Amino acid sequence: MAFLHQQPQLCLGFDIAKDTITAADGITTRVIDNQRRAIRTFLKSHKQADLVVCEPTGGHESLLLEECLRAGIACHRADTLKVKSFIRSYGTHGKSDAIDAAMLRAYGRERWEKLTLWQAPDPDETRLRALVRRRQELIAIKIAEKNRAKAPGGRELAASFEAVIKVVERQIQAIDAAIRELIAGSSALKHRAAICTAMDSLGPIVTAKLLAILPELGTMTRRKAAALAGLAPHPNDSGQKQGYRKIRGGRPEIRSMLYMPALHAAAGRGEFATFYKRLITNGKKPMVAIAAVMRKIVVTLNARLRDATIPQS
């Protein structure tokens, strides 16, 4: 992950919508079209800018990020929840595109040392992320249809539910095939997937999800990896009170996908079975031990991907 090494001289804040972008430079606030030519013209008029801050908006920010990269301007795509907390810390209750753009600029000026810079993703990783996201959407549709079929009165529409479920299942199979083909055709993804699947508790689907949702694996410290995966226990202490430490934050999808591999260890199978048993022997609650196993999986994968090593069985 890349960071700025000196304080930015001019930070720009951008609040992005589908068709327009509200830009704040500290003196004026302007609204421009969310089009490549308009963005390029605006950036040329701010050649001294050395940091741009925006928020993720479902892909509508992609043109801005690409043009910043082309112009050699460092860019940070901010976490929405962090920005909202930052705005509240100023006692600001109003909300508008102009306010958000100005606050994004202030956020960048104040927090620049700790802001990770956006880097153009690998095209294969981008496609894998899209395929995994679509697979998750299809799984949600399938579960919803099955639940509707079990609801009162569902028997009368059984044929409709069954037809939709069959179509969705075929789409899931097609997505799975596309994921396998993509990983097999990419030398980088293929090697990373081989390292992950060498861990006997991880199958190809969970591996694909991990590579898509947590592509930073292998580039972080173990503590950052655990925190980004939402598996780091956070203290809840005050004075002499030592509260119950809970895992939260990060990317919650990681916790749900690693739950079954952790249960694999709880059942006494796999390379983390001994680790789980030791935790239980030391008095840890089963759910605490399972969370620790999930964290151990992420930390171990981070180290193996960093060293690019596949453990020998």
Protein backbone atom coordinates (compact mmCIF):
# COMPACT_ATOMS: atom_id res chain seq x y z
CA MET A 1 0.00 0.00 0.00
CA ALA A 2 1.26 3.47 -0.93
CA PHE A 3 1.14 6.63 1.22
CA LEU A 4 2.13 10.26 0.80
CA HIS A 5 5.52 11.14 2.29
CA GLN A 6 5.03 14.89 2.56
CA GLN A 7 2.09 17.16 3.32
CA PRO A 8 0.05 18.01 0.21
CA GLN A 9 0.19 21.64 -0.92
CA LEU A 10 -3.25 21.57 -2.52
CA CYS A 11 -5.89 19.00 -1.66
CA LEU A 12 -9.09 18.72 -3.72
CA GLY A 13 -12.34 17.22 -2.44
CA PHE A 14 -14.82 15.69 -4.88
CA ASP A 15 -18.41 14.66 -4.15
CA ILE A 16 -19.43 12.42 -7.04
CA ALA A 17 -22.87 11.73 -8.47
CA LYS A 18 -23.92 9.82 -11.56
CA ASP A 19 -23.90 12.84 -13.89
CA THR A 20 -22.06 15.57 -11.97
CA ILE A 21 -19.08 16.12 -9.70
CA THR A 22 -18.91 18.82 -7.03
CA ALA A 23 -15.31 19.93 -6.53
CA ALA A 24 -13.88 21.97 -3.63
CA ASP A 25 -10.38 23.46 -3.65
CA GLY A 26 -10.63 25.54 -0.45
CA ILE A 27 -11.50 28.78 -2.24
CA THR A 28 -14.38 27.94 -4.53
CA THR A 29 -16.81 25.08 -5.07
CA ARG A 30 -17.68 24.12 -8.62
CA VAL A 31 -19.99 21.60 -10.26
CA ILE A 32 -18.66 19.88 -13.38
CA ASP A 33 -19.96 17.10 -15.60
CA ASN A 34 -18.91 13.59 -14.68
CA GLN A 35 -17.29 13.20 -18.08
CA ARG A 36 -13.69 12.63 -19.02
CA ARG A 37 -13.21 15.93 -20.89
CA ALA A 38 -14.69 18.06 -18.09
CA ILE A 39 -12.63 16.28 -15.43
CA ARG A 40 -9.45 16.65 -17.48
CA THR A 41 -10.06 20.37 -17.99
CA PHE A 42 -10.66 20.91 -14.28
CA LEU A 43 -7.50 19.06 -13.26
CA LYS A 44 -5.45 21.05 -15.79
CA SER A 45 -6.66 24.24 -14.12
CA HIS A 46 -5.39 22.88 -10.78
CA LYS A 47 -1.94 21.66 -11.83
CA GLN A 48 -0.53 22.31 -8.35
CA ALA A 49 -2.92 19.77 -6.79
CA ASP A 50 -1.12 16.82 -5.22
CA LEU A 51 -3.96 14.99 -3.43
CA VAL A 52 -7.53 14.23 -4.45
CA VAL A 53 -10.07 12.73 -2.02
CA CYS A 54 -13.39 11.20 -3.08
CA GLU A 55 -15.76 8.49 -1.89
CA PRO A 56 -16.77 5.21 -3.56
CA THR A 57 -20.01 5.70 -5.47
CA GLY A 58 -20.65 2.37 -7.15
CA GLY A 59 -18.15 2.99 -9.94
CA HIS A 60 -19.17 6.55 -10.84
CA GLU A 61 -15.82 7.70 -9.45
CA SER A 62 -13.81 5.61 -11.95
CA LEU A 63 -13.37 8.39 -14.53
CA LEU A 64 -12.03 10.76 -11.89
CA LEU A 65 -9.59 8.16 -10.56
CA GLU A 66 -8.35 7.34 -14.07
CA GLU A 67 -7.81 11.01 -14.94
CA CYS A 68 -5.99 11.67 -11.65
CA LEU A 69 -3.70 8.72 -12.38
CA ARG A 70 -3.10 10.06 -15.87
CA ALA A 71 -2.29 13.53 -14.48
CA GLY A 72 0.02 12.10 -11.81
CA ILE A 73 -2.12 13.28 -8.90
CA ALA A 74 -2.28 11.10 -5.79
CA CYS A 75 -5.82 9.92 -5.04
CA HIS A 76 -7.53 8.50 -1.97
CA ARG A 77 -10.92 6.79 -2.10
CA ALA A 78 -12.20 7.40 1.43
CA ASP A 79 -14.20 5.08 3.65
CA THR A 80 -17.71 6.56 3.82
CA LEU A 81 -18.23 5.75 7.51
CA LYS A 82 -14.93 7.38 8.48
CA VAL A 83 -15.80 10.51 6.53
CA LYS A 84 -19.25 10.71 8.15
CA SER A 85 -17.67 10.48 11.60
CA PHE A 86 -15.15 13.14 10.60
CA ILE A 87 -17.95 15.48 9.49
CA ARG A 88 -19.87 14.92 12.75
CA SER A 89 -16.74 15.81 14.73
CA TYR A 90 -17.07 19.35 13.35
CA GLY A 91 -20.64 19.58 14.63
CA THR A 92 -21.92 19.83 11.07
CA HIS A 93 -25.51 18.61 10.74
CA GLY A 94 -26.32 19.87 7.27
CA LYS A 95 -25.71 17.81 4.16
CA SER A 96 -25.21 18.94 0.59
CA ASP A 97 -22.84 18.11 -2.24
CA ALA A 98 -20.88 21.29 -1.56
CA ILE A 99 -20.55 20.49 2.16
CA ASP A 100 -19.44 16.93 1.42
CA ALA A 101 -16.84 18.08 -1.13
CA ALA A 102 -15.42 20.64 1.31
CA MET A 103 -15.30 18.09 4.12
CA LEU A 104 -13.57 15.53 1.90
CA ARG A 105 -10.93 18.16 1.19
CA ALA A 106 -10.56 18.89 4.93
CA TYR A 107 -10.35 15.16 5.64
CA GLY A 108 -7.48 14.82 3.18
CA ARG A 109 -5.62 17.85 4.55
CA GLU A 110 -5.87 16.59 8.13
CA ARG A 111 -5.41 12.83 7.68
CA TRP A 112 -3.06 12.70 4.67
CA GLU A 113 -0.32 10.74 6.49
CA LYS A 114 -2.58 7.73 7.09
CA LEU A 115 -4.51 7.70 3.82
CA THR A 116 -3.73 4.84 1.47
CA LEU A 117 -3.40 5.99 -2.12
CA TRP A 118 -5.55 4.51 -4.85
CA GLN A 119 -3.68 2.41 -7.38
CA ALA A 120 -5.03 1.13 -10.67
CA PRO A 121 -6.23 -2.44 -10.07
CA ASP A 122 -5.14 -5.38 -12.18
CA PRO A 123 -7.78 -5.99 -14.91
CA ASP A 124 -8.03 -9.67 -13.94
CA GLU A 125 -8.64 -8.73 -10.30
CA THR A 126 -11.32 -6.26 -11.38
CA ARG A 127 -13.10 -8.94 -13.43
CA LEU A 128 -12.78 -11.48 -10.61
CA ARG A 129 -14.32 -8.97 -8.20
CA ALA A 130 -17.24 -8.42 -10.57
CA LEU A 131 -17.81 -12.17 -11.00
CA VAL A 132 -17.69 -12.81 -7.25
CA ARG A 133 -20.07 -9.94 -6.58
CA ARG A 134 -22.50 -11.28 -9.19
CA ARG A 135 -22.28 -14.77 -7.68
CA GLN A 136 -23.18 -13.38 -4.26
CA GLU A 137 -26.18 -11.59 -5.78
CA LEU A 138 -27.37 -14.80 -7.43
CA ILE A 139 -26.96 -16.74 -4.17
CA ALA A 140 -29.11 -14.12 -2.42
CA ILE A 141 -31.80 -14.47 -5.09
CA LYS A 142 -31.76 -18.25 -4.74
CA ILE A 143 -32.11 -18.09 -0.95
CA ALA A 144 -34.94 -15.55 -1.24
CA GLU A 145 -36.85 -17.78 -3.69
CA LYS A 146 -36.42 -20.82 -1.45
CA ASN A 147 -37.72 -18.85 1.53
CA ARG A 148 -40.73 -17.66 -0.45
CA ALA A 149 -41.46 -21.23 -1.48
CA LYS A 150 -41.59 -22.25 2.21
CA ALA A 151 -43.85 -19.35 3.20
CA PRO A 152 -47.61 -19.85 3.72
CA GLY A 153 -49.30 -20.09 0.34
CA GLY A 154 -46.05 -20.93 -1.39
CA ARG A 155 -47.31 -24.31 -2.54
CA GLU A 156 -49.62 -22.68 -5.09
CA LEU A 157 -46.65 -20.95 -6.74
CA ALA A 158 -44.23 -23.87 -6.37
CA ALA A 159 -43.74 -24.21 -10.13
CA SER A 160 -42.78 -20.53 -10.44
CA PHE A 161 -40.30 -20.71 -7.55
CA GLU A 162 -38.76 -23.92 -8.90
CA ALA A 163 -38.36 -22.43 -12.39
CA VAL A 164 -36.60 -19.31 -11.06
CA ILE A 165 -34.35 -21.38 -8.80
CA LYS A 166 -33.28 -23.60 -11.72
CA VAL A 167 -32.44 -20.56 -13.85
CA VAL A 168 -30.44 -18.99 -11.02
CA GLU A 169 -28.57 -22.26 -10.37
CA ARG A 170 -27.56 -22.43 -14.04
CA GLN A 171 -26.32 -18.85 -13.83
CA ILE A 172 -24.31 -19.68 -10.71
CA GLN A 173 -22.72 -22.63 -12.52
CA ALA A 174 -21.84 -20.34 -15.44
CA ILE A 175 -20.27 -17.79 -13.06
CA ASP A 176 -18.28 -20.56 -11.33
CA ALA A 177 -16.96 -21.72 -14.70
CA ALA A 178 -16.00 -18.14 -15.62
CA ILE A 179 -14.16 -17.74 -12.30
CA ARG A 180 -12.22 -20.97 -12.85
CA GLU A 181 -11.33 -19.93 -16.39
CA LEU A 182 -10.21 -16.46 -15.29
CA ILE A 183 -7.96 -17.79 -12.51
CA ALA A 184 -6.48 -20.47 -14.78
CA GLY A 185 -5.69 -17.85 -17.44
CA SER A 186 -3.98 -15.37 -15.11
CA SER A 187 -0.52 -16.33 -13.90
CA ALA A 188 -0.73 -13.99 -10.88
CA LEU A 189 -4.20 -15.14 -9.78
CA LYS A 190 -3.32 -18.77 -10.45
CA HIS A 191 -0.28 -18.64 -8.18
CA ARG A 192 -2.14 -16.78 -5.42
CA ALA A 193 -5.03 -19.24 -5.67
CA ALA A 194 -2.62 -22.18 -5.44
CA ILE A 195 -1.19 -20.76 -2.20
CA CYS A 196 -4.69 -20.34 -0.75
CA THR A 197 -6.07 -23.75 -1.78
CA ALA A 198 -2.95 -25.42 -0.33
CA MET A 199 -4.61 -24.63 3.00
CA ASP A 200 -6.84 -27.71 3.26
CA SER A 201 -9.78 -25.82 4.78
CA LEU A 202 -10.13 -23.48 1.77
CA GLY A 203 -11.85 -24.57 -1.42
CA PRO A 204 -11.73 -22.85 -4.83
CA ILE A 205 -14.89 -20.77 -4.26
CA VAL A 206 -13.79 -19.40 -0.87
CA THR A 207 -10.36 -18.74 -2.38
CA ALA A 208 -11.88 -16.76 -5.25
CA LYS A 209 -13.93 -14.71 -2.78
CA LEU A 210 -10.87 -13.98 -0.65
CA LEU A 211 -8.78 -12.89 -3.64
CA ALA A 212 -11.61 -10.64 -4.84
CA ILE A 213 -12.70 -9.07 -1.55
CA LEU A 214 -9.29 -8.92 0.16
CA PRO A 215 -6.78 -8.36 -2.67
CA GLU A 216 -4.42 -6.60 -0.23
CA LEU A 217 -3.49 -9.95 1.34
CA GLY A 218 0.28 -10.38 1.22
CA THR A 219 1.03 -6.64 1.37
CA MET A 220 0.19 -5.92 5.04
CA THR A 221 1.38 -6.63 8.53
CA ARG A 222 -0.49 -9.35 10.39
CA ARG A 223 -2.31 -6.80 12.56
CA LYS A 224 -3.46 -4.77 9.57
CA ALA A 225 -4.58 -7.94 7.79
CA ALA A 226 -6.68 -9.00 10.78
CA ALA A 227 -8.17 -5.52 11.14
CA LEU A 228 -9.01 -5.19 7.43
CA ALA A 229 -10.71 -8.58 7.52
CA GLY A 230 -12.80 -7.43 10.49
CA LEU A 231 -11.28 -10.10 12.75
CA ALA A 232 -9.15 -8.02 15.12
CA PRO A 233 -10.43 -7.97 18.74
CA HIS A 234 -10.93 -4.37 19.84
CA PRO A 235 -10.47 -3.43 23.53
CA ASN A 236 -13.35 -2.09 25.60
CA ASP A 237 -11.52 -0.85 28.70
CA SER A 238 -12.12 2.14 30.95
CA GLY A 239 -10.21 2.84 34.14
CA GLN A 240 -9.99 -0.43 36.07
CA LYS A 241 -12.70 -2.03 33.99
CA GLN A 242 -11.60 -4.53 31.37
CA GLY A 243 -14.53 -5.02 29.02
CA TYR A 244 -15.25 -7.85 26.62
CA ARG A 245 -13.13 -7.56 23.49
CA LYS A 246 -15.16 -7.83 20.28
CA ILE A 247 -14.32 -8.18 16.61
CA ARG A 248 -15.93 -5.56 14.40
CA GLY A 249 -15.30 -3.24 11.48
CA GLY A 250 -13.29 -4.23 8.44
CA ARG A 251 -14.95 -6.18 5.65
CA PRO A 252 -17.71 -8.30 7.19
CA GLU A 253 -17.95 -10.59 4.15
CA ILE A 254 -14.65 -12.15 5.20
CA ARG A 255 -16.09 -13.30 8.52
CA SER A 256 -19.05 -15.02 6.87
CA MET A 257 -16.92 -16.83 4.28
CA LEU A 258 -14.33 -18.06 6.80
CA TYR A 259 -16.89 -19.34 9.32
CA MET A 260 -17.19 -22.78 7.69
CA PRO A 261 -13.39 -23.26 7.36
CA ALA A 262 -13.14 -22.38 11.06
CA LEU A 263 -15.81 -24.97 11.88
CA HIS A 264 -13.67 -27.43 9.93
CA ALA A 265 -10.93 -26.87 12.53
CA ALA A 266 -13.45 -27.05 15.39
CA ALA A 267 -14.44 -30.50 14.13
CA GLY A 268 -10.83 -31.62 14.53
CA ARG A 269 -9.82 -31.49 10.87
CA GLY A 270 -7.21 -29.44 9.06
CA GLU A 271 -4.02 -27.64 10.04
CA PHE A 272 -5.76 -25.38 12.57
CA ALA A 273 -7.46 -28.17 14.54
CA THR A 274 -4.62 -28.25 17.09
CA PHE A 275 -4.78 -24.46 17.46
CA TYR A 276 -8.54 -24.57 18.13
CA LYS A 277 -8.18 -27.43 20.62
CA ARG A 278 -5.48 -25.54 22.52
CA LEU A 279 -7.71 -22.48 22.82
CA ILE A 280 -10.60 -24.55 24.17
CA THR A 281 -8.27 -26.29 26.61
CA ASN A 282 -7.13 -22.88 27.85
CA GLY A 283 -10.73 -21.96 28.67
CA LYS A 284 -11.74 -19.95 25.61
CA LYS A 285 -15.41 -20.00 24.63
CA PRO A 286 -16.14 -21.93 21.41
CA MET A 287 -17.20 -18.80 19.47
CA VAL A 288 -14.11 -16.93 20.66
CA ALA A 289 -11.95 -19.84 19.53
CA ILE A 290 -13.69 -19.94 16.14
CA ALA A 291 -13.08 -16.21 15.68
CA ALA A 292 -9.43 -16.77 16.60
CA VAL A 293 -9.18 -19.52 13.98
CA MET A 294 -10.63 -17.21 11.32
CA ARG A 295 -8.07 -14.58 12.29
CA LYS A 296 -5.31 -17.21 12.17
CA ILE A 297 -6.36 -18.21 8.65
CA VAL A 298 -6.14 -14.61 7.41
CA VAL A 299 -2.81 -13.92 9.13
CA THR A 300 -1.31 -17.17 7.83
CA LEU A 301 -2.50 -16.52 4.27
CA ASN A 302 -1.13 -12.98 4.45
CA ALA A 303 2.31 -14.34 5.37
CA ARG A 304 2.27 -17.07 2.71
CA LEU A 305 1.14 -14.69 -0.04
CA ARG A 306 3.76 -12.16 1.07
CA ASP A 307 6.50 -14.79 0.83
CA ALA A 308 4.88 -16.43 -2.24
CA THR A 309 5.35 -19.87 -0.69
CA ILE A 310 3.21 -22.98 -0.85
CA PRO A 311 3.70 -25.16 2.26
CA GLN A 312 4.90 -28.68 1.55
CA SER A 313 2.62 -31.41 2.88
